[in-house]
Amino acid sequence: MTNQNNKENQQNNNSIADSLKNTAGSAFETVHNALETTENVAMKAVDATSNAINSVTDGNNNDRDHQE
């Protein structure tokens, strides 16, 4: 009976370890996806700012060209 109990305990321990690994893997994937989303949003903000600055500076350059 002791041997059977040991086997059952070993199986339970393996099941718990696998469950913990799966949970940790899912948590890591969630954090990774959130970081990618944050990076994408930040880069879109940088692109929008760059486009806005280019629009303003290009407009100023065109105004100067027409004044001469």
Protein backbone atom coordinates (compact mmCIF):
# COMPACT_ATOMS: atom_id res chain seq x y z
CA MET A 1 0.00 0.00 0.00
CA THR A 2 2.86 2.36 0.76
CA ASN A 3 4.21 2.00 -2.75
CA GLN A 4 0.84 2.90 -4.21
CA ASN A 5 0.55 5.94 -1.94
CA ASN A 6 4.02 7.07 -3.00
CA LYS A 7 3.07 6.75 -6.68
CA GLU A 8 -0.15 8.69 -6.12
CA ASN A 9 1.73 11.42 -4.24
CA GLN A 10 4.32 11.59 -7.02
CA GLN A 11 1.55 11.93 -9.62
CA ASN A 12 -0.16 14.63 -7.56
CA ASN A 13 3.13 16.50 -7.16
CA ASN A 14 3.78 16.30 -10.90
CA SER A 15 0.27 17.54 -11.60
CA ILE A 16 0.74 20.49 -9.25
CA ALA A 17 4.14 21.31 -10.80
CA ASP A 18 2.68 21.16 -14.32
CA SER A 19 -0.21 23.36 -13.24
CA LEU A 20 2.19 25.92 -11.75
CA LYS A 21 4.32 25.89 -14.93
CA ASN A 22 1.25 26.42 -17.09
CA THR A 23 0.02 29.26 -14.90
CA ALA A 24 3.43 30.93 -14.91
CA GLY A 25 3.62 30.51 -18.68
CA SER A 26 0.23 32.10 -19.14
CA ALA A 27 1.13 34.97 -16.82
CA PHE A 28 4.38 35.57 -18.69
CA GLU A 29 2.54 35.56 -22.03
CA THR A 30 0.00 38.06 -20.71
CA VAL A 31 2.71 40.42 -19.47
CA HIS A 32 4.63 40.03 -22.73
CA ASN A 33 1.54 40.90 -24.78
CA ALA A 34 0.82 43.90 -22.56
CA LEU A 35 4.37 45.18 -23.07
CA GLU A 36 4.06 44.78 -26.84
CA THR A 37 0.78 46.69 -26.78
CA THR A 38 2.36 49.46 -24.69
CA GLU A 39 5.29 49.64 -27.11
CA ASN A 40 2.93 49.88 -30.10
CA VAL A 41 0.92 52.67 -28.47
CA ALA A 42 4.09 54.56 -27.55
CA MET A 43 5.48 54.28 -31.08
CA LYS A 44 2.21 55.53 -32.56
CA ALA A 45 2.38 58.52 -30.23
CA VAL A 46 5.98 59.19 -31.30
CA ASP A 47 5.00 58.89 -34.97
CA ALA A 48 2.05 61.25 -34.49
CA THR A 49 4.26 63.78 -32.70
CA SER A 50 6.88 63.53 -35.43
CA ASN A 51 4.25 64.02 -38.12
CA ALA A 52 2.82 67.04 -36.30
CA ILE A 53 6.26 68.62 -35.95
CA ASN A 54 7.04 67.95 -39.60
CA SER A 55 3.75 69.55 -40.63
CA VAL A 56 4.49 72.68 -38.61
CA THR A 57 8.10 72.99 -39.72
CA ASP A 58 7.28 72.26 -43.37
CA GLY A 59 4.58 74.90 -43.23
CA ASN A 60 7.03 77.41 -41.79
CA ASN A 61 9.60 76.59 -44.46
CA ASN A 62 7.00 77.05 -47.20
CA ASP A 63 5.99 80.43 -45.74
CA ARG A 64 9.61 81.59 -45.77
CA ASP A 65 10.08 80.43 -49.35
CA HIS A 66 7.10 82.50 -50.49
CA GLN A 67 8.22 85.61 -48.60
CA GLU A 68 11.49 85.99 -50.46
